[in-house]
Protein backbone atom coordinates (compact mmCIF):
# COMPACT_ATOMS: atom_id res chain seq x y z
CA MET A 1 -89.54 -72.00 -45.06
CA SER A 2 -87.37 -70.64 -42.34
CA PRO A 3 -88.19 -67.20 -41.13
CA GLY A 4 -85.79 -64.35 -41.93
CA PRO A 5 -84.03 -62.38 -39.21
CA VAL A 6 -86.00 -60.61 -36.88
CA ASN A 7 -83.81 -57.54 -37.02
CA PRO A 8 -82.19 -57.47 -40.46
CA PRO A 9 -78.85 -55.60 -40.59
CA ARG A 10 -79.17 -51.86 -41.54
CA ALA A 11 -77.31 -50.34 -44.36
CA SER A 12 -73.98 -49.04 -43.08
CA GLY A 13 -74.27 -45.54 -44.77
CA GLN A 14 -71.03 -46.17 -46.70
CA PRO A 15 -71.22 -45.28 -50.21
CA GLY A 16 -71.53 -48.22 -52.66
CA GLN A 17 -72.98 -50.36 -49.68
CA GLY A 18 -76.50 -49.41 -49.89
CA GLY A 19 -75.95 -46.40 -47.64
CA GLY A 20 -77.50 -42.92 -47.82
CA LYS A 21 -76.22 -39.46 -48.55
CA PRO A 22 -73.39 -37.74 -46.97
CA PRO A 23 -74.42 -35.91 -43.86
CA TRP A 24 -73.87 -32.45 -45.56
CA LEU A 25 -75.79 -30.49 -42.87
CA GLY A 26 -73.74 -32.00 -39.93
CA LEU A 27 -70.52 -31.42 -41.85
CA VAL A 28 -71.40 -27.76 -42.67
CA LEU A 29 -72.47 -27.00 -39.12
CA LEU A 30 -69.15 -28.61 -37.67
CA ALA A 31 -67.11 -26.48 -40.07
CA VAL A 32 -68.93 -23.37 -39.47
CA ALA A 33 -69.09 -23.58 -35.66
CA PHE A 34 -65.35 -24.50 -35.57
CA ALA A 35 -64.55 -21.28 -37.74
CA ILE A 36 -66.39 -19.26 -35.59
CA ILE A 37 -64.46 -20.37 -32.44
CA GLU A 38 -60.98 -19.78 -34.47
CA ALA A 39 -62.10 -16.36 -35.51
CA ALA A 40 -62.98 -15.63 -31.95
CA ILE A 41 -59.39 -16.82 -30.68
CA VAL A 42 -57.86 -14.48 -33.55
CA THR A 43 -60.13 -11.57 -32.62
CA ALA A 44 -58.88 -11.89 -29.02
CA TYR A 45 -55.24 -11.86 -30.23
CA ARG A 46 -55.96 -8.61 -31.99
CA SER A 47 -57.47 -7.02 -28.99
CA LEU A 48 -54.65 -7.97 -26.79
CA LEU A 49 -51.58 -7.44 -28.98
CA ASP A 50 -52.58 -4.95 -31.60
CA PRO A 51 -55.65 -2.96 -30.54
CA GLN A 52 -55.47 -0.48 -33.23
CA GLY A 53 -55.17 -2.96 -35.95
CA GLU A 54 -51.97 -1.55 -37.35
CA ARG A 55 -50.02 -4.83 -37.96
CA PHE A 56 -53.05 -7.21 -37.85
CA PRO A 57 -52.91 -9.94 -39.01
CA LEU A 58 -49.05 -10.16 -39.11
CA LEU A 59 -48.71 -10.03 -35.59
CA PRO A 60 -45.34 -10.86 -33.84
CA LEU A 61 -46.41 -13.41 -31.29
CA PRO A 62 -44.34 -13.93 -28.18
CA GLY A 63 -42.27 -17.06 -27.93
CA SER A 64 -44.65 -18.93 -25.65
CA LEU A 65 -47.75 -17.84 -27.26
CA ALA A 66 -46.36 -18.60 -30.84
CA GLY A 67 -45.67 -22.26 -29.60
CA LEU A 68 -49.25 -22.43 -28.11
CA GLU A 69 -50.59 -21.15 -31.54
CA ARG A 70 -48.65 -23.86 -33.35
CA VAL A 71 -50.30 -26.64 -31.10
CA ARG A 72 -53.68 -25.05 -31.67
CA GLU A 73 -53.15 -25.18 -35.42
CA ALA A 74 -52.11 -28.75 -35.25
CA ALA A 75 -55.17 -29.62 -33.11
CA THR A 76 -57.36 -27.85 -35.73
CA LEU A 77 -56.05 -30.09 -38.51
CA LEU A 78 -56.33 -33.32 -36.26
CA LEU A 79 -59.93 -32.40 -35.26
CA LEU A 80 -61.03 -31.99 -39.02
CA ILE A 81 -59.14 -35.29 -39.99
CA ALA A 82 -60.70 -37.09 -36.97
CA ALA A 83 -64.22 -35.83 -38.06
CA ALA A 84 -63.64 -37.06 -41.54
CA ARG A 85 -62.58 -40.34 -40.43
CA LEU A 86 -65.66 -40.87 -38.30
CA VAL A 87 -67.74 -40.25 -41.20
CA TYR A 88 -66.05 -42.55 -43.61
CA ARG A 89 -63.49 -45.47 -43.13
CA ARG A 90 -62.08 -45.50 -46.59
CA ALA A 91 -59.32 -43.22 -47.47
CA VAL A 92 -60.78 -41.61 -50.68
CA PRO A 93 -64.20 -40.41 -49.11
CA ALA A 94 -62.44 -39.71 -45.91
CA THR A 95 -60.07 -37.38 -47.74
CA ALA A 96 -62.80 -35.63 -49.70
CA THR A 97 -64.71 -35.18 -46.52
CA PHE A 98 -61.71 -33.49 -45.04
CA CYS A 99 -61.40 -31.38 -48.13
CA PHE A 100 -64.94 -30.33 -47.88
CA LEU A 101 -64.69 -29.49 -44.15
CA PHE A 102 -61.46 -27.51 -44.56
CA GLY A 103 -62.86 -25.48 -47.30
CA ILE A 104 -66.12 -24.66 -45.51
CA TRP A 105 -64.16 -24.00 -42.49
CA ASP A 106 -61.92 -21.61 -43.98
CA LEU A 107 -64.57 -19.65 -45.88
CA ALA A 108 -66.69 -19.40 -42.72
CA TYR A 109 -63.52 -18.32 -40.93
CA TYR A 110 -62.93 -15.25 -43.01
CA ALA A 111 -66.78 -14.53 -43.27
CA THR A 112 -66.66 -14.26 -39.47
CA LEU A 113 -63.70 -12.22 -39.27
CA ARG A 114 -65.23 -9.89 -41.72
CA CYS A 115 -68.31 -9.57 -39.72
CA SER A 116 -66.51 -9.16 -36.43
CA LEU A 117 -63.53 -6.96 -37.30
CA GLY A 118 -64.29 -5.47 -40.90
CA TRP A 119 -61.48 -7.47 -42.14
CA PRO A 120 -60.39 -8.52 -44.63
CA ARG A 121 -61.18 -5.35 -46.56
CA HIS A 122 -60.16 -6.55 -49.88
CA GLY A 123 -59.07 -9.92 -51.34
CA SER A 124 -55.46 -8.48 -51.77
CA ASP A 125 -54.92 -7.99 -48.05
CA TRP A 126 -52.28 -10.22 -46.86
CA ASP A 127 -52.88 -12.70 -43.99
CA LEU A 128 -50.71 -15.11 -41.87
CA LEU A 129 -52.16 -18.44 -42.72
CA PHE A 130 -50.31 -20.86 -40.65
CA LEU A 131 -47.24 -21.12 -38.64
CA LEU A 132 -46.44 -24.72 -39.15
CA PRO A 133 -43.55 -25.48 -39.75
CA VAL A 134 -42.79 -22.00 -41.00
CA PRO A 135 -45.19 -18.88 -41.36
CA TRP A 136 -47.29 -19.06 -44.48
CA LEU A 137 -48.14 -15.65 -46.13
CA GLY A 138 -50.60 -14.89 -48.86
CA PRO A 139 -53.13 -12.39 -50.03
CA VAL A 140 -56.72 -13.47 -48.75
CA TRP A 141 -57.89 -14.34 -52.26
CA ALA A 142 -55.37 -17.21 -52.46
CA PRO A 143 -56.57 -19.28 -49.69
CA LEU A 144 -60.34 -18.40 -50.59
CA LEU A 145 -59.69 -19.57 -53.88
CA VAL A 146 -57.91 -22.97 -52.69
CA SER A 147 -60.98 -23.34 -50.18
CA CYS A 148 -63.48 -23.10 -53.09
CA VAL A 149 -61.77 -25.65 -55.21
CA LEU A 150 -61.41 -28.13 -52.08
CA VAL A 151 -65.26 -27.57 -51.39
CA VAL A 152 -66.04 -28.50 -54.94
CA VAL A 153 -63.81 -31.37 -55.32
CA GLY A 154 -64.80 -32.91 -52.04
CA SER A 155 -68.64 -32.57 -52.44
CA MET A 156 -68.24 -34.24 -56.24
CA VAL A 157 -66.31 -37.05 -54.89
CA LEU A 158 -68.86 -37.65 -51.96
CA ARG A 159 -71.80 -37.37 -54.35
CA HIS A 160 -70.17 -39.89 -56.59
CA GLU A 161 -69.41 -42.28 -53.76
CA SER A 162 -73.19 -42.07 -52.61
CA ARG A 163 -74.66 -42.37 -56.06
CA ARG A 164 -72.43 -44.38 -58.10
CA GLY A 165 -69.96 -46.41 -55.61
CA PRO A 166 -66.21 -46.10 -54.87
CA PHE A 167 -64.44 -43.14 -56.56
CA ARG A 168 -61.17 -44.60 -58.00
CA LEU A 169 -58.02 -42.93 -58.17
CA GLY A 170 -54.90 -44.13 -60.01
CA ARG A 171 -51.46 -43.81 -59.19
CA LEU A 172 -50.81 -40.93 -61.64
CA HIS A 173 -53.83 -39.06 -60.33
CA LEU A 174 -52.46 -39.11 -56.85
CA LEU A 175 -48.94 -38.05 -57.89
CA THR A 176 -50.19 -35.29 -60.10
CA ALA A 177 -52.41 -33.97 -57.37
CA ALA A 178 -49.70 -34.16 -54.75
CA LEU A 179 -47.37 -32.09 -57.05
CA GLY A 180 -50.15 -29.66 -57.49
CA GLY A 181 -50.64 -29.40 -53.75
CA ALA A 182 -46.97 -29.13 -53.16
CA LEU A 183 -46.69 -26.14 -55.57
CA CYS A 184 -49.70 -24.35 -53.76
CA LEU A 185 -48.02 -24.89 -50.53
CA TRP A 186 -44.72 -23.59 -52.11
CA SER A 187 -46.50 -20.31 -53.06
CA PHE A 188 -47.25 -19.57 -49.33
CA VAL A 189 -43.85 -20.25 -47.72
CA THR A 190 -41.29 -19.35 -50.40
CA THR A 191 -41.12 -15.64 -49.52
CA PRO A 192 -38.09 -15.15 -47.09
CA SER A 193 -39.31 -11.78 -45.79
CA GLY A 194 -42.63 -13.51 -44.96
CA ARG A 195 -41.04 -16.09 -42.83
CA ALA A 196 -39.54 -13.43 -40.54
CA LEU A 197 -42.79 -11.39 -40.54
CA ALA A 198 -40.56 -8.40 -40.75
CA ALA A 199 -42.31 -6.84 -43.68
CA LEU A 200 -44.95 -7.58 -46.35
CA PRO A 201 -43.27 -9.43 -49.26
CA SER A 202 -42.73 -7.36 -52.22
CA ARG A 203 -45.27 -9.75 -54.17
CA TYR A 204 -47.11 -13.08 -53.96
CA PRO A 205 -45.93 -15.79 -56.39
CA TRP A 206 -49.35 -16.49 -57.63
CA GLU A 207 -48.08 -18.41 -60.74
CA TRP A 208 -46.98 -21.30 -58.35
CA LEU A 209 -50.62 -21.46 -56.90
CA LEU A 210 -52.30 -21.41 -60.21
CA LEU A 211 -49.96 -23.91 -61.76
CA GLY A 212 -50.53 -26.24 -58.61
CA LEU A 213 -54.44 -25.78 -58.88
CA ALA A 214 -54.21 -26.43 -62.57
CA LEU A 215 -52.32 -29.81 -62.11
CA GLY A 216 -54.50 -30.78 -59.26
CA LEU A 217 -57.74 -29.94 -61.28
CA ALA A 218 -56.49 -31.78 -64.34
CA ALA A 219 -55.72 -34.91 -62.39
CA PHE A 220 -59.15 -34.65 -60.87
CA SER A 221 -61.06 -34.04 -63.96
CA HIS A 222 -59.35 -37.04 -65.62
CA ALA A 223 -60.26 -39.19 -62.54
CA VAL A 224 -64.06 -38.03 -62.90
CA TRP A 225 -64.01 -39.03 -66.61
CA ARG A 226 -62.38 -42.39 -65.82
CA ASN A 227 -64.91 -43.11 -63.11
CA ARG A 228 -67.92 -42.33 -65.27
CA ARG A 229 -66.84 -44.55 -68.04
CA PRO A 230 -69.15 -47.59 -68.17
């Protein structure tokens, strides 16, 4: 009988290939640490541009600073995408990891601002969410709700991948989820006055957000049911 390999190959860590659990602690630490960095930058913006907090967070950034802020936002997204891609090679678990990271990052970001600035005071406070490609505006409860959904969905997919194998998504699941995501984004960019940051919008179109979340969760729920069938 020929001897086996001296150093047998180790499990790759990929779900469905004998791998272990997702690196939950590392993912959470990365998201929280980067959220603190982001909150520190926003705190510096306020101290320099609006010391009294009269317009915060709807600050009219100077042209050069606004351009730099757009680059920073793009870099933030690239960092989260790269981190997810380093953990998983396949598209589905990598996307789930990005959703989990983004959700934790956003929740920790608002928690840090609350501790450092006492803001947001209420969930109804308006916030400038992104500048790419146009300003996104919405009450704080809206991105917090989206982030909670992303954390739950991302963690459920990763748990499935580690325990049951690949999480399969059909074309209809992807199309429905994409439509739901587009409606959520539309709710943040649809207000003309919000784009100019001249004044607070008269109302937030929350019905678009809830419809988008409902579509996305319906597609995800059906995918979970399909993946659990024997």
